[in-house]
Structures are given as C-alpha cells and as structure tokens.
Amino acid sequence: LTGIIHTDTKHALNEKYGSEIQPGVLAVTHSHFFCARLDMTVDGTKNRVTELDYVAEEVPGPQNVNVNGNGVFVRKNELKAELQAARKT
C-alpha cells in the first residue's frame, strides 16, 4: 500500500493510538480490510501470524483523551496454531 499517512505528535496520552514512525511522530491507527487464505507452511514451519484486533476506545476514554469518540487502538494476538485462527461464520 502507498499513500499519505495521517500523523500526529506523539505524547504519553496518545501513543497507544498509533505507531511511532520517527522520533516524536505518530502514524495514527487505521484499518484496511483484506481477505486471504494462507498456507501456513509455504516457507517452512517457523512462520508466525499476528492478528491485529482494532478496538474502539471508550468515550470519553482515560484522561478524557477520546472526546470525539473516534479513537481506536490495536490489540495484538499471536496465533500459534491454525486452530486459533479459525472463526465461526
């Protein structure tokens, strides 16, 4: 993916809402949706997959940070087996 990213200055109250891309600059968390079936052994058995779950921050949020109700952050979950990746449809 290419494009222009939305940035913000990094400080203690907003660091969980993005990734630091250079000292003091935060790329704000956002999402793209892809759907794919993965062959987990395509490159051997030492691969890993990390699921990124986008979580909406409570309003107004800790220290009154999410006053506009649009704050999201990422919860990471390493999937150690294919069964952990299965979802009910």
N, C-alpha and C. Protein backbone atom coordinates (compact mmCIF):
# COMPACT_ATOMS: atom_id res chain seq x y z
N LEU A 1 0.83 -1.18 0.00
CA LEU A 1 0.00 0.00 0.00
C LEU A 1 0.88 1.25 0.00
N THR A 2 0.43 2.24 -0.69
CA THR A 2 1.14 3.51 -0.70
C THR A 2 0.13 4.62 -0.45
N GLY A 3 0.62 5.77 -0.14
CA GLY A 3 -0.27 6.90 0.09
C GLY A 3 0.27 7.82 1.15
N ILE A 4 -0.52 8.78 1.52
CA ILE A 4 -0.15 9.75 2.54
C ILE A 4 -0.77 9.30 3.86
N ILE A 5 0.04 9.21 4.89
CA ILE A 5 -0.48 8.76 6.19
C ILE A 5 -0.86 9.97 7.05
N HIS A 6 -1.83 9.75 7.90
CA HIS A 6 -2.26 10.77 8.86
C HIS A 6 -1.32 10.68 10.06
N THR A 7 -0.72 11.77 10.44
CA THR A 7 0.23 11.77 11.56
C THR A 7 -0.22 12.71 12.66
N ASP A 8 0.39 12.53 13.80
CA ASP A 8 0.14 13.37 14.97
C ASP A 8 1.44 13.43 15.76
N THR A 9 1.56 14.40 16.63
CA THR A 9 2.73 14.42 17.50
C THR A 9 2.53 13.37 18.59
N LYS A 10 3.58 12.67 18.95
CA LYS A 10 3.49 11.62 19.95
C LYS A 10 3.66 12.21 21.34
N HIS A 11 2.76 11.80 22.24
CA HIS A 11 2.89 12.14 23.66
C HIS A 11 2.27 11.02 24.48
N ALA A 12 2.44 11.06 25.75
CA ALA A 12 2.05 9.95 26.64
C ALA A 12 0.57 9.58 26.53
N LEU A 13 -0.30 10.54 26.25
CA LEU A 13 -1.73 10.25 26.22
C LEU A 13 -2.20 9.62 24.91
N ASN A 14 -1.43 9.71 23.83
CA ASN A 14 -1.92 9.18 22.57
C ASN A 14 -1.07 8.07 21.97
N GLU A 15 -0.01 7.63 22.63
CA GLU A 15 0.92 6.69 22.00
C GLU A 15 0.30 5.34 21.69
N LYS A 16 -0.77 4.94 22.38
CA LYS A 16 -1.37 3.64 22.07
C LYS A 16 -2.26 3.71 20.83
N TYR A 17 -2.51 4.89 20.29
CA TYR A 17 -3.39 5.05 19.13
C TYR A 17 -2.64 5.06 17.81
N GLY A 18 -1.39 4.63 17.79
CA GLY A 18 -0.65 4.59 16.54
C GLY A 18 0.73 4.01 16.73
N SER A 19 1.56 4.15 15.69
CA SER A 19 2.93 3.65 15.70
C SER A 19 3.89 4.80 15.46
N GLU A 20 4.95 4.85 16.26
CA GLU A 20 5.94 5.90 16.08
C GLU A 20 6.73 5.61 14.80
N ILE A 21 6.70 6.55 13.85
CA ILE A 21 7.40 6.33 12.58
C ILE A 21 8.70 7.10 12.50
N GLN A 22 8.89 8.04 13.39
CA GLN A 22 10.17 8.72 13.59
C GLN A 22 10.04 9.41 14.94
N PRO A 23 11.12 9.78 15.57
CA PRO A 23 11.03 10.31 16.93
C PRO A 23 10.01 11.46 17.04
N GLY A 24 9.02 11.25 17.91
CA GLY A 24 8.01 12.27 18.17
C GLY A 24 6.88 12.33 17.18
N VAL A 25 6.87 11.45 16.16
CA VAL A 25 5.81 11.47 15.13
C VAL A 25 5.07 10.14 15.15
N LEU A 26 3.75 10.22 15.26
CA LEU A 26 2.90 9.06 15.38
C LEU A 26 2.07 8.90 14.11
N ALA A 27 2.09 7.69 13.50
CA ALA A 27 1.17 7.37 12.41
C ALA A 27 -0.08 6.81 13.07
N VAL A 28 -1.20 7.47 12.89
CA VAL A 28 -2.43 7.14 13.58
C VAL A 28 -2.98 5.80 13.08
N THR A 29 -3.45 4.96 14.02
CA THR A 29 -4.02 3.66 13.69
C THR A 29 -5.24 3.81 12.81
N HIS A 30 -5.27 3.03 11.74
CA HIS A 30 -6.42 2.96 10.85
C HIS A 30 -6.45 1.54 10.29
N SER A 31 -7.42 1.22 9.47
CA SER A 31 -7.52 -0.16 9.01
C SER A 31 -7.75 -0.26 7.51
N HIS A 32 -7.30 -1.37 6.96
CA HIS A 32 -7.57 -1.80 5.60
C HIS A 32 -8.10 -3.22 5.74
N PHE A 33 -9.01 -3.60 4.91
CA PHE A 33 -9.59 -4.93 5.02
C PHE A 33 -9.15 -5.80 3.85
N PHE A 34 -8.55 -6.94 4.18
CA PHE A 34 -8.10 -7.91 3.19
C PHE A 34 -8.66 -9.27 3.61
N CYS A 35 -8.87 -10.10 2.65
CA CYS A 35 -9.31 -11.46 2.93
C CYS A 35 -8.41 -12.40 2.16
N ALA A 36 -7.81 -13.35 2.84
CA ALA A 36 -6.90 -14.27 2.17
C ALA A 36 -6.86 -15.60 2.92
N ARG A 37 -6.62 -16.64 2.19
CA ARG A 37 -6.35 -17.95 2.80
C ARG A 37 -4.84 -18.14 2.75
N LEU A 38 -4.26 -18.50 3.86
CA LEU A 38 -2.81 -18.61 3.95
C LEU A 38 -2.38 -20.06 4.09
N ASP A 39 -1.34 -20.43 3.37
CA ASP A 39 -0.70 -21.72 3.57
C ASP A 39 0.37 -21.48 4.63
N MET A 40 0.11 -21.91 5.84
CA MET A 40 0.98 -21.58 6.97
C MET A 40 2.35 -22.24 6.88
N THR A 41 2.54 -23.20 5.98
CA THR A 41 3.85 -23.85 5.86
C THR A 41 4.49 -23.57 4.51
N VAL A 42 4.06 -22.53 3.83
CA VAL A 42 4.58 -22.23 2.50
C VAL A 42 6.09 -21.98 2.51
N ASP A 43 6.61 -21.47 3.60
CA ASP A 43 8.03 -21.14 3.68
C ASP A 43 8.69 -21.86 4.87
N GLY A 44 8.16 -23.01 5.24
CA GLY A 44 8.71 -23.75 6.37
C GLY A 44 7.76 -23.72 7.55
N THR A 45 8.23 -24.23 8.67
CA THR A 45 7.36 -24.33 9.85
C THR A 45 7.66 -23.28 10.92
N LYS A 46 8.57 -22.36 10.66
CA LYS A 46 8.92 -21.35 11.66
C LYS A 46 8.25 -20.01 11.38
N ASN A 47 7.15 -20.03 10.66
CA ASN A 47 6.38 -18.81 10.38
C ASN A 47 5.51 -18.47 11.58
N ARG A 48 5.03 -17.23 11.60
CA ARG A 48 4.06 -16.86 12.63
C ARG A 48 3.11 -15.82 12.05
N VAL A 49 1.94 -15.79 12.62
CA VAL A 49 0.92 -14.83 12.22
C VAL A 49 0.48 -14.09 13.46
N THR A 50 0.39 -12.79 13.34
CA THR A 50 -0.12 -11.96 14.44
C THR A 50 -1.42 -11.32 13.98
N GLU A 51 -2.47 -11.59 14.73
CA GLU A 51 -3.78 -11.00 14.45
C GLU A 51 -3.83 -9.62 15.10
N LEU A 52 -4.26 -8.63 14.35
CA LEU A 52 -4.39 -7.27 14.87
C LEU A 52 -5.88 -6.98 15.01
N ASP A 53 -6.32 -6.81 16.23
CA ASP A 53 -7.73 -6.54 16.51
C ASP A 53 -7.87 -5.06 16.83
N TYR A 54 -8.63 -4.35 16.01
CA TYR A 54 -8.83 -2.91 16.23
C TYR A 54 -9.95 -2.72 17.23
N VAL A 55 -9.65 -2.03 18.33
CA VAL A 55 -10.57 -1.87 19.44
C VAL A 55 -10.94 -0.41 19.59
N ALA A 56 -12.24 -0.14 19.66
CA ALA A 56 -12.70 1.23 19.86
C ALA A 56 -12.48 1.63 21.32
N GLU A 57 -11.89 2.79 21.52
CA GLU A 57 -11.65 3.31 22.87
C GLU A 57 -12.98 3.78 23.45
N GLU A 58 -13.12 3.63 24.75
CA GLU A 58 -14.33 4.11 25.40
C GLU A 58 -14.40 5.64 25.29
N VAL A 59 -15.60 6.16 25.35
CA VAL A 59 -15.80 7.61 25.27
C VAL A 59 -16.19 8.08 26.65
N PRO A 60 -15.58 9.09 27.24
CA PRO A 60 -14.52 9.91 26.69
C PRO A 60 -13.15 9.28 26.81
N GLY A 61 -12.99 8.14 27.41
CA GLY A 61 -11.68 7.49 27.47
C GLY A 61 -10.87 7.93 28.67
N PRO A 62 -9.74 7.19 28.92
CA PRO A 62 -8.86 7.55 30.03
C PRO A 62 -8.29 8.95 29.86
N GLN A 63 -8.21 9.69 30.89
CA GLN A 63 -7.70 11.07 30.91
C GLN A 63 -8.43 11.96 29.90
N ASN A 64 -9.71 11.61 29.58
CA ASN A 64 -10.52 12.43 28.67
C ASN A 64 -9.90 12.56 27.28
N VAL A 65 -9.19 11.52 26.81
CA VAL A 65 -8.48 11.59 25.53
C VAL A 65 -9.40 11.44 24.34
N ASN A 66 -10.36 10.54 24.39
CA ASN A 66 -11.20 10.22 23.23
C ASN A 66 -12.50 11.00 23.24
N VAL A 67 -12.42 12.30 23.35
CA VAL A 67 -13.64 13.12 23.47
C VAL A 67 -14.48 13.11 22.20
N ASN A 68 -13.89 12.86 21.02
CA ASN A 68 -14.64 12.83 19.77
C ASN A 68 -15.19 11.44 19.43
N GLY A 69 -14.80 10.43 20.22
CA GLY A 69 -15.33 9.09 20.01
C GLY A 69 -14.76 8.36 18.80
N ASN A 70 -13.61 8.79 18.29
CA ASN A 70 -13.04 8.14 17.11
C ASN A 70 -11.70 7.46 17.39
N GLY A 71 -11.33 7.29 18.65
CA GLY A 71 -10.05 6.67 19.00
C GLY A 71 -10.11 5.16 18.90
N VAL A 72 -9.16 4.58 18.20
CA VAL A 72 -9.01 3.13 18.13
C VAL A 72 -7.57 2.77 18.43
N PHE A 73 -7.37 1.58 18.98
CA PHE A 73 -6.02 1.10 19.20
C PHE A 73 -5.97 -0.37 18.81
N VAL A 74 -4.76 -0.91 18.71
CA VAL A 74 -4.56 -2.28 18.23
C VAL A 74 -4.25 -3.20 19.39
N ARG A 75 -4.96 -4.32 19.45
CA ARG A 75 -4.66 -5.39 20.39
C ARG A 75 -4.05 -6.52 19.55
N LYS A 76 -2.83 -6.94 19.90
CA LYS A 76 -2.12 -7.96 19.12
C LYS A 76 -2.28 -9.33 19.76
N ASN A 77 -2.49 -10.34 18.90
CA ASN A 77 -2.65 -11.71 19.37
C ASN A 77 -1.89 -12.62 18.42
N GLU A 78 -0.79 -13.22 18.90
CA GLU A 78 -0.03 -14.14 18.07
C GLU A 78 -0.78 -15.47 17.98
N LEU A 79 -1.03 -15.92 16.75
CA LEU A 79 -1.72 -17.18 16.52
C LEU A 79 -0.67 -18.27 16.38
N LYS A 80 -0.61 -19.15 17.36
CA LYS A 80 0.45 -20.17 17.39
C LYS A 80 0.05 -21.46 16.69
N ALA A 81 -1.22 -21.58 16.35
CA ALA A 81 -1.69 -22.78 15.65
C ALA A 81 -2.85 -22.38 14.74
N GLU A 82 -3.06 -23.17 13.69
CA GLU A 82 -4.14 -22.86 12.75
C GLU A 82 -5.50 -22.87 13.43
N LEU A 83 -5.69 -23.72 14.41
CA LEU A 83 -6.97 -23.78 15.11
C LEU A 83 -7.30 -22.46 15.81
N GLN A 84 -6.28 -21.73 16.26
CA GLN A 84 -6.53 -20.44 16.90
C GLN A 84 -7.05 -19.40 15.90
N ALA A 85 -6.75 -19.60 14.62
CA ALA A 85 -7.18 -18.65 13.60
C ALA A 85 -8.59 -18.93 13.09
N ALA A 86 -9.15 -20.08 13.42
CA ALA A 86 -10.48 -20.44 12.93
C ALA A 86 -11.52 -19.51 13.52
N ARG A 87 -12.46 -19.10 12.70
CA ARG A 87 -13.55 -18.23 13.13
C ARG A 87 -14.89 -18.89 12.80
N LYS A 88 -15.86 -18.70 13.64
CA LYS A 88 -17.22 -19.20 13.35
C LYS A 88 -17.87 -18.24 12.37
N THR A 89 -18.56 -18.80 11.38
CA THR A 89 -19.23 -17.94 10.40
C THR A 89 -20.71 -17.97 10.58
